[in-house]
Amino acid sequence: MKTTIVCGMLGSGKTTFITQFVRNLTGKTVVLVNDFGKAGIDGEIFEAGGIESIELPSGCICCTLKFDLISSIENIRETFSPQHLLIEPSGIASPSGVLEALETLKINPVTVVGIVDATEFLELNHEDAFGRFFEDQITNSDIVLVNKTDLVEKDVADRTVQSIEQMNPNAIIFSTVNCIMSGTLPNVSGAERNIDKHAPHFHFDTISLKLSDSLDHEWLGDFFQDMSFGKYGDIVRAKALVNTLQGPYQFDLSFTNIRSVPFEKMVIGSRLVIIGKDINREAITYIFPQPPVFCKPDIC
């Protein structure tokens, strides 16, 4: 069973990459996706694109869900016997934790694809916690996609590539927009890994909300804009699938970048996941037209 780990910071483009990558694969493929939050969203996005997926929501597979990850992979092998398994850890999971689980199961070959957001890498890489995350991600990656290069100056994109080359001279690097590659993904896997059993870990909390199907698209857009300005706390990531009055939509917030696009079909239960620090739960509850149902918050 060929296995590919697709890792990257919150909002870097992992789901976008997998959706496009799977279309070019032959043979049975299963995606194991870990959303950090009880209201899993990525699984439904994959299913809408005809991709078979298994969700591991509510937690991080590099720590609290490590044993669930191992048992899920064993179950996938026995039940589906896929030729290709793709694993999408949450945007706070260090690749070392996933590689350690695969090593326990003696699964190989393993290819690691790291996705980097060019709009934030150079800045975040200088911060201690984020820098240690990038080091673990990039040194363990066989292939690195420097994504969102259309949103930065050429000099920033070039310096991002140079920095990654210094961190991992053996990695194959591609500059991309929307994770679209000019050719096929090279068939490579790392002979040596830098698996760190004490890999860096982020301490974020998250809330998962069930939403009404009678929300206005523009109103939700304003809410996401307010989150990006820090009105409801230090929000680093928010995702929503919502049946708005104008139709089904997918909303994304990654640090300060916001995206809203129509969803392919009606959403099965409108919902929102917010990840960050010092989230103002009371304010969020107050502004919704009807009280949302909160899942128990996760802390990692």
Protein backbone atom coordinates (compact mmCIF):
# COMPACT_ATOMS: atom_id res chain seq x y z
CA MET A 1 0.00 0.00 0.00
CA LYS A 2 1.64 3.22 -1.15
CA THR A 3 1.15 5.92 1.43
CA THR A 4 1.37 9.69 1.04
CA ILE A 5 1.27 12.16 3.92
CA VAL A 6 0.14 15.66 2.92
CA CYS A 7 1.16 18.05 5.67
CA GLY A 8 1.13 21.80 6.11
CA MET A 9 0.17 24.66 8.37
CA LEU A 10 -3.47 25.61 8.85
CA GLY A 11 -4.88 26.86 5.55
CA SER A 12 -1.84 26.11 3.41
CA GLY A 13 -3.85 24.18 0.80
CA LYS A 14 -3.74 20.50 1.81
CA THR A 15 -7.37 19.74 0.96
CA THR A 16 -7.10 21.59 -2.36
CA PHE A 17 -4.00 19.61 -3.30
CA ILE A 18 -5.49 16.22 -2.38
CA THR A 19 -8.70 16.91 -4.30
CA GLN A 20 -6.68 17.56 -7.47
CA PHE A 21 -4.03 14.89 -6.87
CA VAL A 22 -6.48 12.01 -6.42
CA ARG A 23 -8.07 12.67 -9.83
CA ASN A 24 -4.85 11.56 -11.51
CA LEU A 25 -4.43 8.35 -9.53
CA THR A 26 -5.34 4.91 -10.79
CA GLY A 27 -6.39 2.10 -8.50
CA LYS A 28 -8.37 2.27 -5.28
CA THR A 29 -7.49 5.30 -3.16
CA VAL A 30 -8.65 6.21 0.35
CA VAL A 31 -8.04 9.50 2.15
CA LEU A 32 -7.71 9.50 5.94
CA VAL A 33 -8.39 13.05 7.09
CA ASN A 34 -7.92 14.52 10.56
CA ASP A 35 -9.90 17.71 11.20
CA PHE A 36 -9.03 19.45 14.46
CA GLY A 37 -12.57 19.94 15.66
CA LYS A 38 -15.65 17.81 16.27
CA ALA A 39 -17.56 19.13 13.25
CA GLY A 40 -15.40 17.58 10.53
CA ILE A 41 -15.56 19.49 7.24
CA ASP A 42 -12.83 18.20 4.92
CA GLY A 43 -14.41 14.72 4.70
CA GLU A 44 -17.58 16.14 3.15
CA ILE A 45 -15.50 18.23 0.74
CA PHE A 46 -13.73 15.06 -0.44
CA GLU A 47 -17.00 13.11 -0.70
CA ALA A 48 -18.52 15.90 -2.83
CA GLY A 49 -15.64 15.36 -5.26
CA GLY A 50 -16.24 11.60 -5.37
CA ILE A 51 -13.23 10.80 -3.16
CA GLU A 52 -13.54 8.00 -0.61
CA SER A 53 -12.49 9.31 2.78
CA ILE A 54 -12.39 8.33 6.44
CA GLU A 55 -12.52 11.07 9.09
CA LEU A 56 -10.68 11.27 12.38
CA PRO A 57 -12.15 14.47 13.83
CA SER A 58 -11.79 16.04 17.27
CA GLY A 59 -8.15 16.01 18.16
CA CYS A 60 -4.68 15.80 16.73
CA ILE A 61 -3.29 12.54 15.31
CA CYS A 62 0.24 13.33 16.43
CA CYS A 63 -0.77 13.13 20.11
CA THR A 64 -4.32 12.53 21.42
CA LEU A 65 -5.43 10.46 18.41
CA LYS A 66 -2.19 8.56 17.71
CA PHE A 67 -3.65 5.19 18.73
CA ASP A 68 -6.84 5.96 16.77
CA LEU A 69 -4.65 6.69 13.75
CA ILE A 70 -2.93 3.32 14.02
CA SER A 71 -6.19 1.40 14.41
CA SER A 72 -7.81 3.37 11.56
CA ILE A 73 -4.97 2.53 9.19
CA GLU A 74 -5.18 -1.14 10.15
CA ASN A 75 -8.93 -1.07 9.54
CA ILE A 76 -8.48 0.63 6.15
CA ARG A 77 -5.99 -2.02 5.06
CA GLU A 78 -8.29 -4.88 6.10
CA THR A 79 -11.58 -3.37 4.87
CA PHE A 80 -10.65 -1.48 1.71
CA SER A 81 -7.25 -2.89 0.65
CA PRO A 82 -6.41 0.36 -1.16
CA GLN A 83 -3.48 0.68 -3.52
CA HIS A 84 -2.92 4.21 -2.27
CA LEU A 85 -3.59 5.75 1.15
CA LEU A 86 -3.41 9.51 1.59
CA ILE A 87 -3.21 10.93 5.10
CA GLU A 88 -4.11 14.57 5.74
CA PRO A 89 -3.11 15.52 9.29
CA SER A 90 -4.66 18.63 10.79
CA GLY A 91 -2.78 21.87 10.31
CA ILE A 92 -1.35 21.66 13.82
CA ALA A 93 0.00 18.10 13.55
CA SER A 94 3.74 17.59 13.18
CA PRO A 95 4.63 15.01 10.49
CA SER A 96 6.91 13.16 12.93
CA GLY A 97 3.92 11.89 14.88
CA VAL A 98 2.32 10.42 11.75
CA LEU A 99 5.60 8.95 10.52
CA GLU A 100 6.13 7.33 13.91
CA ALA A 101 2.73 5.63 13.67
CA LEU A 102 3.47 4.37 10.14
CA GLU A 103 6.85 3.10 11.30
CA THR A 104 5.08 1.16 14.06
CA LEU A 105 2.87 -0.47 11.42
CA LYS A 106 5.91 -1.11 9.17
CA ILE A 107 4.18 0.67 6.30
CA ASN A 108 6.31 1.66 3.31
CA PRO A 109 6.95 3.25 0.92
CA VAL A 110 5.90 6.59 2.39
CA THR A 111 6.05 9.90 0.54
CA VAL A 112 5.70 13.16 2.43
CA VAL A 113 4.34 16.19 0.58
CA GLY A 114 4.72 19.44 2.49
CA ILE A 115 2.65 22.46 1.51
CA VAL A 116 3.83 25.94 2.48
CA ASP A 117 1.81 29.15 2.29
CA ALA A 118 4.07 31.75 0.66
CA THR A 119 2.04 34.59 2.18
CA GLU A 120 3.04 33.71 5.75
CA PHE A 121 6.04 31.35 5.77
CA LEU A 122 8.89 33.89 6.03
CA GLU A 123 7.18 35.74 8.87
CA LEU A 124 5.99 32.72 10.86
CA ASN A 125 9.24 30.80 10.42
CA HIS A 126 10.99 33.34 12.63
CA GLU A 127 8.63 32.63 15.53
CA ASP A 128 9.82 29.87 17.85
CA ALA A 129 6.75 27.58 17.87
CA PHE A 130 5.96 27.97 14.18
CA GLY A 131 9.61 27.75 13.15
CA ARG A 132 10.02 24.41 14.91
CA PHE A 133 6.86 23.16 13.18
CA PHE A 134 8.19 24.16 9.76
CA GLU A 135 11.53 22.53 10.51
CA ASP A 136 9.84 19.22 11.32
CA GLN A 137 7.58 19.48 8.25
CA ILE A 138 10.18 20.50 5.69
CA THR A 139 13.05 18.25 6.82
CA ASN A 140 10.71 15.26 6.56
CA SER A 141 9.22 16.23 3.18
CA ASP A 142 10.24 14.59 -0.07
CA ILE A 143 8.31 17.21 -2.04
CA VAL A 144 7.46 20.77 -1.00
CA LEU A 145 4.84 22.93 -2.70
CA VAL A 146 5.33 26.65 -2.14
CA ASN A 147 1.70 27.60 -2.60
CA LYS A 148 -0.19 30.90 -3.10
CA THR A 149 2.71 32.45 -4.99
CA ASP A 150 0.20 34.62 -6.86
CA LEU A 151 -0.51 36.49 -3.62
CA VAL A 152 3.08 37.63 -2.96
CA GLU A 153 5.82 39.53 -4.76
CA LYS A 154 8.30 37.44 -6.75
CA ASP A 155 11.06 38.33 -4.30
CA VAL A 156 9.05 36.86 -1.40
CA ALA A 157 8.35 33.66 -3.33
CA ASP A 158 12.03 33.33 -4.28
CA ARG A 159 13.21 33.87 -0.70
CA THR A 160 10.70 31.29 0.51
CA VAL A 161 12.09 28.71 -1.92
CA GLN A 162 15.67 29.57 -0.91
CA SER A 163 14.85 29.17 2.78
CA ILE A 164 13.28 25.75 2.17
CA GLU A 165 16.28 24.68 0.08
CA GLN A 166 18.56 25.52 3.00
CA MET A 167 16.38 23.52 5.41
CA ASN A 168 16.16 20.48 3.13
CA PRO A 169 18.55 20.43 0.13
CA ASN A 170 17.14 17.04 -0.97
CA ALA A 171 13.51 18.14 -1.27
CA ILE A 172 11.94 18.63 -4.70
CA ILE A 173 10.32 22.08 -4.65
CA PHE A 174 7.45 23.38 -6.79
CA SER A 175 5.99 26.90 -6.81
CA THR A 176 2.21 26.70 -7.20
CA VAL A 177 -1.04 28.64 -7.35
CA ASN A 178 -4.01 26.76 -5.84
CA CYS A 179 -1.65 23.76 -5.54
CA ILE A 180 -1.79 23.24 -9.32
CA MET A 181 1.37 21.61 -10.67
CA SER A 182 2.57 21.83 -14.25
CA GLY A 183 3.38 18.09 -14.32
CA THR A 184 2.76 14.96 -12.33
CA LEU A 185 4.00 14.47 -8.79
CA PRO A 186 7.41 12.73 -8.75
CA ASN A 187 7.35 9.19 -7.42
CA VAL A 188 9.83 9.61 -4.56
CA SER A 189 10.06 8.58 -0.93
CA GLY A 190 12.63 9.48 1.69
CA ALA A 191 15.36 7.02 2.54
CA GLU A 192 16.05 8.86 5.80
CA ARG A 193 13.66 10.65 8.11
CA ASN A 194 14.18 13.05 10.97
CA ILE A 195 11.45 11.63 13.17
CA ASP A 196 11.27 13.69 16.35
CA LYS A 197 9.37 11.97 19.16
CA HIS A 198 9.23 15.32 20.92
CA ALA A 199 8.10 17.30 17.90
CA PRO A 200 6.73 20.81 18.49
CA HIS A 201 3.08 21.13 19.28
CA PHE A 202 0.64 24.01 19.17
CA HIS A 203 -1.74 24.86 21.96
CA PHE A 204 -4.94 26.06 20.35
CA ASP A 205 -8.53 25.63 21.35
CA THR A 206 -11.38 25.16 18.94
CA ILE A 207 -15.13 25.38 18.97
CA SER A 208 -17.51 23.60 16.62
CA LEU A 209 -20.89 25.14 15.89
CA LYS A 210 -24.01 23.85 14.21
CA LEU A 211 -25.50 26.64 12.09
CA SER A 212 -28.92 27.52 10.80
CA ASP A 213 -29.69 27.01 7.10
CA SER A 214 -31.25 30.48 6.93
CA LEU A 215 -28.11 32.60 7.17
CA ASP A 216 -27.34 35.27 4.59
CA HIS A 217 -24.13 34.83 2.60
CA GLU A 218 -23.11 38.49 2.94
CA TRP A 219 -23.76 38.41 6.70
CA LEU A 220 -21.50 35.37 7.07
CA GLY A 221 -18.86 37.06 4.95
CA ASP A 222 -18.92 40.04 7.31
CA PHE A 223 -18.61 37.69 10.28
CA PHE A 224 -15.51 36.06 8.77
CA GLN A 225 -14.10 39.54 8.07
CA ASP A 226 -14.62 40.48 11.71
CA MET A 227 -12.85 37.30 12.82
CA SER A 228 -9.87 38.18 10.64
CA PHE A 229 -9.68 41.59 12.36
CA GLY A 230 -9.49 39.94 15.79
CA LYS A 231 -12.95 40.94 16.96
CA TYR A 232 -13.62 37.49 18.43
CA GLY A 233 -10.13 36.57 19.62
CA ASP A 234 -6.90 35.45 18.04
CA ILE A 235 -8.43 33.33 15.26
CA VAL A 236 -5.85 31.53 13.12
CA ARG A 237 -8.23 29.28 11.16
CA ALA A 238 -11.96 28.98 10.56
CA LYS A 239 -13.87 26.75 8.15
CA ALA A 240 -17.56 26.47 7.40
CA LEU A 241 -19.91 24.55 5.15
CA VAL A 242 -23.25 26.35 5.11
CA ASN A 243 -26.55 26.21 3.25
CA THR A 244 -27.04 29.99 3.00
CA LEU A 245 -30.09 31.75 1.65
CA GLN A 246 -28.11 32.14 -1.58
CA GLY A 247 -27.19 28.44 -1.78
CA PRO A 248 -24.51 26.15 -0.29
CA TYR A 249 -21.12 27.76 0.33
CA GLN A 250 -17.70 26.90 1.68
CA PHE A 251 -16.01 29.59 3.80
CA ASP A 252 -12.34 29.61 4.78
CA LEU A 253 -10.27 31.89 6.98
CA SER A 254 -6.52 31.32 7.27
CA PHE A 255 -4.88 33.94 9.46
CA THR A 256 -6.06 37.04 7.56
CA ASN A 257 -6.91 35.44 4.20
CA ILE A 258 -10.62 34.84 3.54
CA ARG A 259 -12.22 32.77 0.79
CA SER A 260 -15.87 32.04 -0.02
CA VAL A 261 -16.85 29.72 -2.88
CA PRO A 262 -20.05 27.90 -3.85
CA PHE A 263 -20.18 24.28 -2.69
CA GLU A 264 -20.96 21.50 -5.18
CA LYS A 265 -24.14 20.28 -3.46
CA MET A 266 -26.39 20.88 -0.47
CA VAL A 267 -24.49 20.64 2.80
CA ILE A 268 -25.33 17.85 5.23
CA GLY A 269 -25.73 19.98 8.35
CA SER A 270 -24.41 23.54 8.20
CA ARG A 271 -21.46 23.95 10.55
CA LEU A 272 -18.46 26.05 11.48
CA VAL A 273 -15.11 25.27 13.12
CA ILE A 274 -12.99 28.02 14.67
CA ILE A 275 -9.39 27.50 15.80
CA GLY A 276 -7.31 29.97 17.79
CA LYS A 277 -6.53 31.40 21.19
CA ASP A 278 -8.68 33.40 23.61
CA ILE A 279 -11.79 32.81 21.50
CA ASN A 280 -14.68 35.00 22.68
CA ARG A 281 -17.39 32.35 22.85
CA GLU A 282 -20.01 34.62 24.40
CA ALA A 283 -19.67 37.21 21.65
CA ILE A 284 -19.89 34.57 18.94
CA THR A 285 -23.01 33.07 20.51
CA TYR A 286 -24.63 36.48 20.78
CA ILE A 287 -24.24 37.55 17.15
CA PHE A 288 -25.89 34.51 15.58
CA PRO A 289 -29.59 34.81 14.69
CA GLN A 290 -30.36 31.78 16.83
CA PRO A 291 -28.20 30.17 19.50
CA PRO A 292 -25.80 27.71 17.88
CA VAL A 293 -25.19 24.31 19.39
CA PHE A 294 -21.66 24.14 20.74
CA CYS A 295 -19.72 20.93 20.78
CA LYS A 296 -17.39 20.45 23.73
CA PRO A 297 -14.25 22.53 23.03
CA ASP A 298 -11.02 20.72 22.17
CA ILE A 299 -7.69 21.84 23.50
CA CYS A 300 -4.42 20.66 22.01
